[in-house]
PDB file of all heavy atoms in Angstrom:
ATOM      1  N   LEU A   1       0.816  -1.244  -0.025  1.00  0.00           N
ATOM      2  CA  LEU A   1      -0.002   0.019   0.018  1.00  0.00           C
ATOM      3  C   LEU A   1       0.812   1.258   0.004  1.00  0.00           C
ATOM      4  O   LEU A   1       0.599   2.200  -0.849  1.00  0.00           O
ATOM      5  CB  LEU A   1      -0.989   0.013   1.194  1.00  0.00           C
ATOM      6  CG  LEU A   1      -1.964  -1.162   1.264  1.00  0.00           C
ATOM      7  CD1 LEU A   1      -2.857  -1.048   2.466  1.00  0.00           C
ATOM      8  CD2 LEU A   1      -2.823  -1.191  -0.012  1.00  0.00           C
ATOM      9  N   ILE A   2       1.780   1.382   0.928  1.00  0.00           N
ATOM     10  CA  ILE A   2       2.588   2.595   1.006  1.00  0.00           C
ATOM     11  C   ILE A   2       3.482   2.742  -0.229  1.00  0.00           C
ATOM     12  O   ILE A   2       3.646   3.851  -0.740  1.00  0.00           O
ATOM     13  CB  ILE A   2       3.381   2.617   2.287  1.00  0.00           C
ATOM     14  CG1 ILE A   2       2.465   2.810   3.488  1.00  0.00           C
ATOM     15  CG2 ILE A   2       4.470   3.751   2.241  1.00  0.00           C
ATOM     16  CD1 ILE A   2       3.219   2.883   4.871  1.00  0.00           C
ATOM     17  N   ALA A   3       4.041   1.645  -0.735  1.00  0.00           N
ATOM     18  CA  ALA A   3       4.856   1.667  -1.931  1.00  0.00           C
ATOM     19  C   ALA A   3       4.043   2.170  -3.112  1.00  0.00           C
ATOM     20  O   ALA A   3       4.488   3.009  -3.910  1.00  0.00           O
ATOM     21  CB  ALA A   3       5.410   0.294  -2.250  1.00  0.00           C
ATOM     22  N   GLY A   4       2.784   1.778  -3.190  1.00  0.00           N
ATOM     23  CA  GLY A   4       1.902   2.249  -4.260  1.00  0.00           C
ATOM     24  C   GLY A   4       1.626   3.751  -4.140  1.00  0.00           C
ATOM     25  O   GLY A   4       1.708   4.506  -5.090  1.00  0.00           O
ATOM     26  N   MET A   5       1.353   4.237  -2.913  1.00  0.00           N
ATOM     27  CA  MET A   5       1.023   5.616  -2.739  1.00  0.00           C
ATOM     28  C   MET A   5       2.276   6.522  -2.881  1.00  0.00           C
ATOM     29  O   MET A   5       2.183   7.599  -3.363  1.00  0.00           O
ATOM     30  CB  MET A   5       0.428   5.849  -1.302  1.00  0.00           C
ATOM     31  CG  MET A   5      -1.052   5.521  -1.260  1.00  0.00           C
ATOM     32  SD  MET A   5      -2.164   6.333  -2.446  1.00  0.00           S
ATOM     33  CE  MET A   5      -2.092   8.006  -1.863  1.00  0.00           C
ATOM     34  N   ASN A   6       3.479   5.976  -2.569  1.00  0.00           N
ATOM     35  CA  ASN A   6       4.682   6.684  -2.832  1.00  0.00           C
ATOM     36  C   ASN A   6       4.879   6.957  -4.302  1.00  0.00           C
ATOM     37  O   ASN A   6       5.304   8.002  -4.708  1.00  0.00           O
ATOM     38  CB  ASN A   6       5.872   5.917  -2.260  1.00  0.00           C
ATOM     39  CG  ASN A   6       6.010   6.088  -0.719  1.00  0.00           C
ATOM     40  OD1 ASN A   6       5.401   6.907  -0.136  1.00  0.00           O
ATOM     41  ND2 ASN A   6       6.775   5.200  -0.104  1.00  0.00           N
ATOM     42  N   GLU A   7       4.579   5.924  -5.106  1.00  0.00           N
ATOM     43  CA  GLU A   7       4.660   6.074  -6.557  1.00  0.00           C
ATOM     44  C   GLU A   7       3.629   7.076  -7.068  1.00  0.00           C
ATOM     45  O   GLU A   7       3.908   7.857  -7.958  1.00  0.00           O
ATOM     46  CB  GLU A   7       4.527   4.702  -7.253  1.00  0.00           C
ATOM     47  CG  GLU A   7       4.476   4.763  -8.726  1.00  0.00           C
ATOM     48  CD  GLU A   7       5.783   5.342  -9.362  1.00  0.00           C
ATOM     49  OE1 GLU A   7       6.825   5.434  -8.679  1.00  0.00           O
ATOM     50  OE2 GLU A   7       5.716   5.700 -10.568  1.00  0.00           O
ATOM     51  N   VAL A   8       2.393   7.020  -6.506  1.00  0.00           N
ATOM     52  CA  VAL A   8       1.406   7.980  -6.858  1.00  0.00           C
ATOM     53  C   VAL A   8       1.892   9.451  -6.548  1.00  0.00           C
ATOM     54  O   VAL A   8       1.716  10.321  -7.397  1.00  0.00           O
ATOM     55  CB  VAL A   8       0.089   7.685  -6.102  1.00  0.00           C
ATOM     56  CG1 VAL A   8      -0.919   8.901  -6.275  1.00  0.00           C
ATOM     57  CG2 VAL A   8      -0.548   6.385  -6.592  1.00  0.00           C
ATOM     58  N   GLY A   9       2.536   9.574  -5.389  1.00  0.00           N
ATOM     59  CA  GLY A   9       3.067  10.869  -5.032  1.00  0.00           C
ATOM     60  C   GLY A   9       4.138  11.320  -5.986  1.00  0.00           C
ATOM     61  O   GLY A   9       4.173  12.480  -6.371  1.00  0.00           O
ATOM     62  N   ARG A  10       4.989  10.386  -6.384  1.00  0.00           N
ATOM     63  CA  ARG A  10       6.088  10.744  -7.370  1.00  0.00           C
ATOM     64  C   ARG A  10       5.483  11.201  -8.653  1.00  0.00           C
ATOM     65  O   ARG A  10       5.941  12.224  -9.271  1.00  0.00           O
ATOM     66  CB  ARG A  10       6.962   9.570  -7.562  1.00  0.00           C
ATOM     67  CG  ARG A  10       8.232   9.861  -8.374  1.00  0.00           C
ATOM     68  CD  ARG A  10       8.853   8.637  -8.990  1.00  0.00           C
ATOM     69  NE  ARG A  10       7.989   7.964 -10.003  1.00  0.00           N
ATOM     70  CZ  ARG A  10       7.805   8.414 -11.216  1.00  0.00           C
ATOM     71  NH1 ARG A  10       8.427   9.532 -11.657  1.00  0.00           N
ATOM     72  NH2 ARG A  10       7.063   7.744 -12.091  1.00  0.00           N
ATOM     73  N   ARG A  11       4.457  10.520  -9.139  1.00  0.00           N
ATOM     74  CA  ARG A  11       3.847  10.818 -10.401  1.00  0.00           C
ATOM     75  C   ARG A  11       3.068  12.173 -10.364  1.00  0.00           C
ATOM     76  O   ARG A  11       3.048  12.923 -11.273  1.00  0.00           O
ATOM     77  CB  ARG A  11       2.885   9.717 -10.880  1.00  0.00           C
ATOM     78  CG  ARG A  11       3.622   8.418 -11.225  1.00  0.00           C
ATOM     79  CD  ARG A  11       2.653   7.381 -11.815  1.00  0.00           C
ATOM     80  NE  ARG A  11       3.324   6.103 -11.894  1.00  0.00           N
ATOM     81  CZ  ARG A  11       2.783   5.016 -12.452  1.00  0.00           C
ATOM     82  NH1 ARG A  11       1.552   5.120 -12.945  1.00  0.00           N
ATOM     83  NH2 ARG A  11       3.438   3.883 -12.465  1.00  0.00           N
ATOM     84  N   PHE A  12       2.537  12.430  -9.188  1.00  0.00           N
ATOM     85  CA  PHE A  12       1.830  13.688  -8.966  1.00  0.00           C
ATOM     86  C   PHE A  12       2.795  14.879  -9.015  1.00  0.00           C
ATOM     87  O   PHE A  12       2.540  15.886  -9.682  1.00  0.00           O
ATOM     88  CB  PHE A  12       1.105  13.681  -7.611  1.00  0.00           C
ATOM     89  CG  PHE A  12       0.280  14.899  -7.276  1.00  0.00           C
ATOM     90  CD1 PHE A  12      -0.835  15.239  -8.113  1.00  0.00           C
ATOM     91  CD2 PHE A  12       0.585  15.653  -6.218  1.00  0.00           C
ATOM     92  CE1 PHE A  12      -1.578  16.361  -7.810  1.00  0.00           C
ATOM     93  CE2 PHE A  12      -0.121  16.834  -5.914  1.00  0.00           C
ATOM     94  CZ  PHE A  12      -1.255  17.125  -6.677  1.00  0.00           C
ATOM     95  N   LYS A  13       3.950  14.731  -8.354  1.00  0.00           N
ATOM     96  CA  LYS A  13       4.916  15.754  -8.385  1.00  0.00           C
ATOM     97  C   LYS A  13       5.549  15.969  -9.753  1.00  0.00           C
ATOM     98  O   LYS A  13       5.957  17.076 -10.127  1.00  0.00           O
ATOM     99  CB  LYS A  13       6.102  15.433  -7.379  1.00  0.00           C
ATOM    100  CG  LYS A  13       5.733  15.734  -5.929  1.00  0.00           C
ATOM    101  CD  LYS A  13       6.956  15.921  -5.068  1.00  0.00           C
ATOM    102  CE  LYS A  13       7.471  14.636  -4.560  1.00  0.00           C
ATOM    103  NZ  LYS A  13       8.471  14.837  -3.503  1.00  0.00           N
ATOM    104  N   ALA A  14       5.532  14.883 -10.557  1.00  0.00           N
ATOM    105  CA  ALA A  14       6.108  14.977 -11.937  1.00  0.00           C
ATOM    106  C   ALA A  14       5.092  15.373 -12.998  1.00  0.00           C
ATOM    107  O   ALA A  14       5.325  15.363 -14.150  1.00  0.00           O
ATOM    108  CB  ALA A  14       6.735  13.611 -12.251  1.00  0.00           C
ATOM    109  N   ASN A  15       3.864  15.715 -12.455  1.00  0.00           N
ATOM    110  CA  ASN A  15       2.777  16.089 -13.367  1.00  0.00           C
ATOM    111  C   ASN A  15       2.368  14.939 -14.344  1.00  0.00           C
ATOM    112  O   ASN A  15       1.815  15.172 -15.409  1.00  0.00           O
ATOM    113  CB  ASN A  15       3.082  17.334 -14.183  1.00  0.00           C
ATOM    114  CG  ASN A  15       3.173  18.566 -13.337  1.00  0.00           C
ATOM    115  OD1 ASN A  15       2.368  18.762 -12.406  1.00  0.00           O
ATOM    116  ND2 ASN A  15       4.138  19.442 -13.632  1.00  0.00           N
ATOM    117  N   GLU A  16       2.618  13.727 -13.869  1.00  0.00           N
ATOM    118  CA  GLU A  16       2.156  12.517 -14.623  1.00  0.00           C
ATOM    119  C   GLU A  16       0.774  12.141 -14.156  1.00  0.00           C
ATOM    120  O   GLU A  16       0.019  11.513 -14.879  1.00  0.00           O
ATOM    121  CB  GLU A  16       3.158  11.420 -14.465  1.00  0.00           C
ATOM    122  CG  GLU A  16       4.571  11.649 -15.024  1.00  0.00           C
ATOM    123  CD  GLU A  16       5.586  10.589 -14.620  1.00  0.00           C
ATOM    124  OE1 GLU A  16       5.131   9.522 -14.180  1.00  0.00           O
ATOM    125  OE2 GLU A  16       6.775  10.884 -14.740  1.00  0.00           O
ATOM    126  N   PHE A  17       0.487  12.421 -12.878  1.00  0.00           N
ATOM    127  CA  PHE A  17      -0.843  12.251 -12.301  1.00  0.00           C
ATOM    128  C   PHE A  17      -1.373  13.582 -11.899  1.00  0.00           C
ATOM    129  O   PHE A  17      -0.610  14.492 -11.570  1.00  0.00           O
ATOM    130  CB  PHE A  17      -0.771  11.345 -11.097  1.00  0.00           C
ATOM    131  CG  PHE A  17      -0.929   9.907 -11.341  1.00  0.00           C
ATOM    132  CD1 PHE A  17      -0.760   9.346 -12.616  1.00  0.00           C
ATOM    133  CD2 PHE A  17      -1.233   8.976 -10.243  1.00  0.00           C
ATOM    134  CE1 PHE A  17      -0.920   7.964 -12.789  1.00  0.00           C
ATOM    135  CE2 PHE A  17      -1.397   7.636 -10.473  1.00  0.00           C
ATOM    136  CZ  PHE A  17      -1.196   7.120 -11.774  1.00  0.00           C
ATOM    137  N   TYR A  18      -2.748  13.664 -11.905  1.00  0.00           N
ATOM    138  CA  TYR A  18      -3.405  14.929 -11.436  1.00  0.00           C
ATOM    139  C   TYR A  18      -4.306  14.586 -10.286  1.00  0.00           C
ATOM    140  O   TYR A  18      -4.399  13.399  -9.887  1.00  0.00           O
ATOM    141  CB  TYR A  18      -4.071  15.609 -12.592  1.00  0.00           C
ATOM    142  CG  TYR A  18      -3.118  16.040 -13.674  1.00  0.00           C
ATOM    143  CD1 TYR A  18      -2.847  15.208 -14.809  1.00  0.00           C
ATOM    144  CD2 TYR A  18      -2.364  17.208 -13.566  1.00  0.00           C
ATOM    145  CE1 TYR A  18      -1.924  15.549 -15.779  1.00  0.00           C
ATOM    146  CE2 TYR A  18      -1.422  17.628 -14.525  1.00  0.00           C
ATOM    147  CZ  TYR A  18      -1.225  16.730 -15.641  1.00  0.00           C
ATOM    148  OH  TYR A  18      -0.277  17.106 -16.575  1.00  0.00           O
ATOM    149  N   VAL A  19      -5.021  15.551  -9.807  1.00  0.00           N
ATOM    150  CA  VAL A  19      -5.867  15.350  -8.579  1.00  0.00           C
ATOM    151  C   VAL A  19      -6.790  14.166  -8.742  1.00  0.00           C
ATOM    152  O   VAL A  19      -6.898  13.383  -7.828  1.00  0.00           O
ATOM    153  CB  VAL A  19      -6.587  16.679  -8.221  1.00  0.00           C
ATOM    154  CG1 VAL A  19      -7.591  16.398  -7.085  1.00  0.00           C
ATOM    155  CG2 VAL A  19      -5.585  17.730  -7.718  1.00  0.00           C
ATOM    156  N   PRO A  20      -7.560  14.047  -9.853  1.00  0.00           N
ATOM    157  CA  PRO A  20      -8.476  12.913  -9.917  1.00  0.00           C
ATOM    158  C   PRO A  20      -7.825  11.541  -9.740  1.00  0.00           C
ATOM    159  O   PRO A  20      -8.325  10.661  -9.029  1.00  0.00           O
ATOM    160  CB  PRO A  20      -9.073  13.062 -11.357  1.00  0.00           C
ATOM    161  CG  PRO A  20      -8.957  14.504 -11.653  1.00  0.00           C
ATOM    162  CD  PRO A  20      -7.637  14.923 -11.017  1.00  0.00           C
ATOM    163  N   GLU A  21      -6.634  11.338 -10.428  1.00  0.00           N
ATOM    164  CA  GLU A  21      -5.914  10.094 -10.233  1.00  0.00           C
ATOM    165  C   GLU A  21      -5.449   9.783  -8.776  1.00  0.00           C
ATOM    166  O   GLU A  21      -5.513   8.677  -8.324  1.00  0.00           O
ATOM    167  CB  GLU A  21      -4.725   9.962 -11.198  1.00  0.00           C
ATOM    168  CG  GLU A  21      -5.052   9.901 -12.672  1.00  0.00           C
ATOM    169  CD  GLU A  21      -5.066  11.261 -13.379  1.00  0.00           C
ATOM    170  OE1 GLU A  21      -5.244  12.302 -12.684  1.00  0.00           O
ATOM    171  OE2 GLU A  21      -4.961  11.290 -14.589  1.00  0.00           O
ATOM    172  N   VAL A  22      -5.011  10.891  -8.177  1.00  0.00           N
ATOM    173  CA  VAL A  22      -4.585  10.773  -6.791  1.00  0.00           C
ATOM    174  C   VAL A  22      -5.737  10.399  -5.855  1.00  0.00           C
ATOM    175  O   VAL A  22      -5.605   9.512  -5.025  1.00  0.00           O
ATOM    176  CB  VAL A  22      -3.881  12.044  -6.253  1.00  0.00           C
ATOM    177  CG1 VAL A  22      -3.544  11.959  -4.807  1.00  0.00           C
ATOM    178  CG2 VAL A  22      -2.661  12.341  -7.081  1.00  0.00           C
ATOM    179  N   LEU A  23      -6.894  11.018  -6.050  1.00  0.00           N
ATOM    180  CA  LEU A  23      -8.086  10.738  -5.244  1.00  0.00           C
ATOM    181  C   LEU A  23      -8.531   9.282  -5.481  1.00  0.00           C
ATOM    182  O   LEU A  23      -8.931   8.600  -4.491  1.00  0.00           O
ATOM    183  CB  LEU A  23      -9.222  11.702  -5.615  1.00  0.00           C
ATOM    184  CG  LEU A  23      -8.993  13.158  -5.228  1.00  0.00           C
ATOM    185  CD1 LEU A  23     -10.089  14.039  -5.715  1.00  0.00           C
ATOM    186  CD2 LEU A  23      -8.875  13.346  -3.673  1.00  0.00           C
ATOM    187  N   ILE A  24      -8.457   8.823  -6.715  1.00  0.00           N
ATOM    188  CA  ILE A  24      -8.899   7.440  -7.011  1.00  0.00           C
ATOM    189  C   ILE A  24      -7.933   6.445  -6.334  1.00  0.00           C
ATOM    190  O   ILE A  24      -8.359   5.429  -5.768  1.00  0.00           O
ATOM    191  CB  ILE A  24      -9.007   7.222  -8.558  1.00  0.00           C
ATOM    192  CG1 ILE A  24     -10.135   7.977  -9.091  1.00  0.00           C
ATOM    193  CG2 ILE A  24      -9.152   5.709  -8.854  1.00  0.00           C
ATOM    194  CD1 ILE A  24     -10.133   8.073 -10.618  1.00  0.00           C
ATOM    195  N   ALA A  25      -6.638   6.741  -6.377  1.00  0.00           N
ATOM    196  CA  ALA A  25      -5.653   5.852  -5.768  1.00  0.00           C
ATOM    197  C   ALA A  25      -5.811   5.858  -4.260  1.00  0.00           C
ATOM    198  O   ALA A  25      -5.718   4.821  -3.563  1.00  0.00           O
ATOM    199  CB  ALA A  25      -4.229   6.281  -6.120  1.00  0.00           C
ATOM    200  N   ALA A  26      -6.080   7.082  -3.686  1.00  0.00           N
ATOM    201  CA  ALA A  26      -6.254   7.189  -2.247  1.00  0.00           C
ATOM    202  C   ALA A  26      -7.512   6.382  -1.794  1.00  0.00           C
ATOM    203  O   ALA A  26      -7.513   5.802  -0.699  1.00  0.00           O
ATOM    204  CB  ALA A  26      -6.416   8.658  -1.860  1.00  0.00           C
ATOM    205  N   ARG A  27      -8.524   6.379  -2.662  1.00  0.00           N
ATOM    206  CA  ARG A  27      -9.733   5.564  -2.315  1.00  0.00           C
ATOM    207  C   ARG A  27      -9.357   4.057  -2.278  1.00  0.00           C
ATOM    208  O   ARG A  27      -9.779   3.308  -1.419  1.00  0.00           O
ATOM    209  CB  ARG A  27     -10.801   5.840  -3.349  1.00  0.00           C
ATOM    210  CG  ARG A  27     -12.070   5.003  -3.251  1.00  0.00           C
ATOM    211  CD  ARG A  27     -13.117   5.500  -4.231  1.00  0.00           C
ATOM    212  NE  ARG A  27     -14.293   4.637  -4.202  1.00  0.00           N
ATOM    213  CZ  ARG A  27     -14.465   3.595  -5.043  1.00  0.00           C
ATOM    214  NH1 ARG A  27     -13.523   3.361  -5.941  1.00  0.00           N
ATOM    215  NH2 ARG A  27     -15.574   2.871  -5.021  1.00  0.00           N
ATOM    216  N   ALA A  28      -8.524   3.664  -3.217  1.00  0.00           N
ATOM    217  CA  ALA A  28      -8.060   2.304  -3.292  1.00  0.00           C
ATOM    218  C   ALA A  28      -7.246   1.905  -1.988  1.00  0.00           C
ATOM    219  O   ALA A  28      -7.409   0.837  -1.390  1.00  0.00           O
ATOM    220  CB  ALA A  28      -7.244   1.963  -4.546  1.00  0.00           C
ATOM    221  N   MET A  29      -6.409   2.877  -1.614  1.00  0.00           N
ATOM    222  CA  MET A  29      -5.611   2.741  -0.362  1.00  0.00           C
ATOM    223  C   MET A  29      -6.580   2.529   0.844  1.00  0.00           C
ATOM    224  O   MET A  29      -6.383   1.635   1.691  1.00  0.00           O
ATOM    225  CB  MET A  29      -4.789   3.959  -0.155  1.00  0.00           C
ATOM    226  CG  MET A  29      -4.106   4.021   1.225  1.00  0.00           C
ATOM    227  SD  MET A  29      -2.550   3.216   1.204  1.00  0.00           S
ATOM    228  CE  MET A  29      -1.962   3.483   2.916  1.00  0.00           C
ATOM    229  N   HIS A  30      -7.599   3.355   0.876  1.00  0.00           N
ATOM    230  CA  HIS A  30      -8.598   3.286   1.953  1.00  0.00           C
ATOM    231  C   HIS A  30      -9.251   1.899   2.009  1.00  0.00           C
ATOM    232  O   HIS A  30      -9.438   1.359   3.106  1.00  0.00           O
ATOM    233  CB  HIS A  30      -9.622   4.390   1.780  1.00  0.00           C
ATOM    234  CG  HIS A  30     -10.689   4.407   2.863  1.00  0.00           C
ATOM    235  ND1 HIS A  30     -10.468   4.765   4.145  1.00  0.00           N
ATOM    236  CD2 HIS A  30     -12.026   4.020   2.759  1.00  0.00           C
ATOM    237  CE1 HIS A  30     -11.614   4.640   4.826  1.00  0.00           C
ATOM    238  NE2 HIS A  30     -12.529   4.233   4.017  1.00  0.00           N
ATOM    239  N   TYR A  31      -9.632   1.333   0.877  1.00  0.00           N
ATOM    240  CA  TYR A  31     -10.243   0.029   0.793  1.00  0.00           C
ATOM    241  C   TYR A  31      -9.332  -1.025   1.312  1.00  0.00           C
ATOM    242  O   TYR A  31      -9.793  -1.910   2.079  1.00  0.00           O
ATOM    243  CB  TYR A  31     -10.632  -0.261  -0.678  1.00  0.00           C
ATOM    244  CG  TYR A  31     -11.971   0.126  -1.140  1.00  0.00           C
ATOM    245  CD1 TYR A  31     -12.443   1.436  -0.850  1.00  0.00           C
ATOM    246  CD2 TYR A  31     -12.849  -0.744  -1.718  1.00  0.00           C
ATOM    247  CE1 TYR A  31     -13.716   1.836  -1.294  1.00  0.00           C
ATOM    248  CE2 TYR A  31     -14.124  -0.389  -2.138  1.00  0.00           C
ATOM    249  CZ  TYR A  31     -14.555   0.934  -1.922  1.00  0.00           C
ATOM    250  OH  TYR A  31     -15.790   1.329  -2.320  1.00  0.00           O
TER     251      TYR A  31
END
């Protein structure tokens, strides 16, 4: 889980992911 969110954070900082993708990934983390 944390490894996945760390990669989401990296992609967000690199403008590869945007807010919607982060929110969807965070929802998956919550599940």
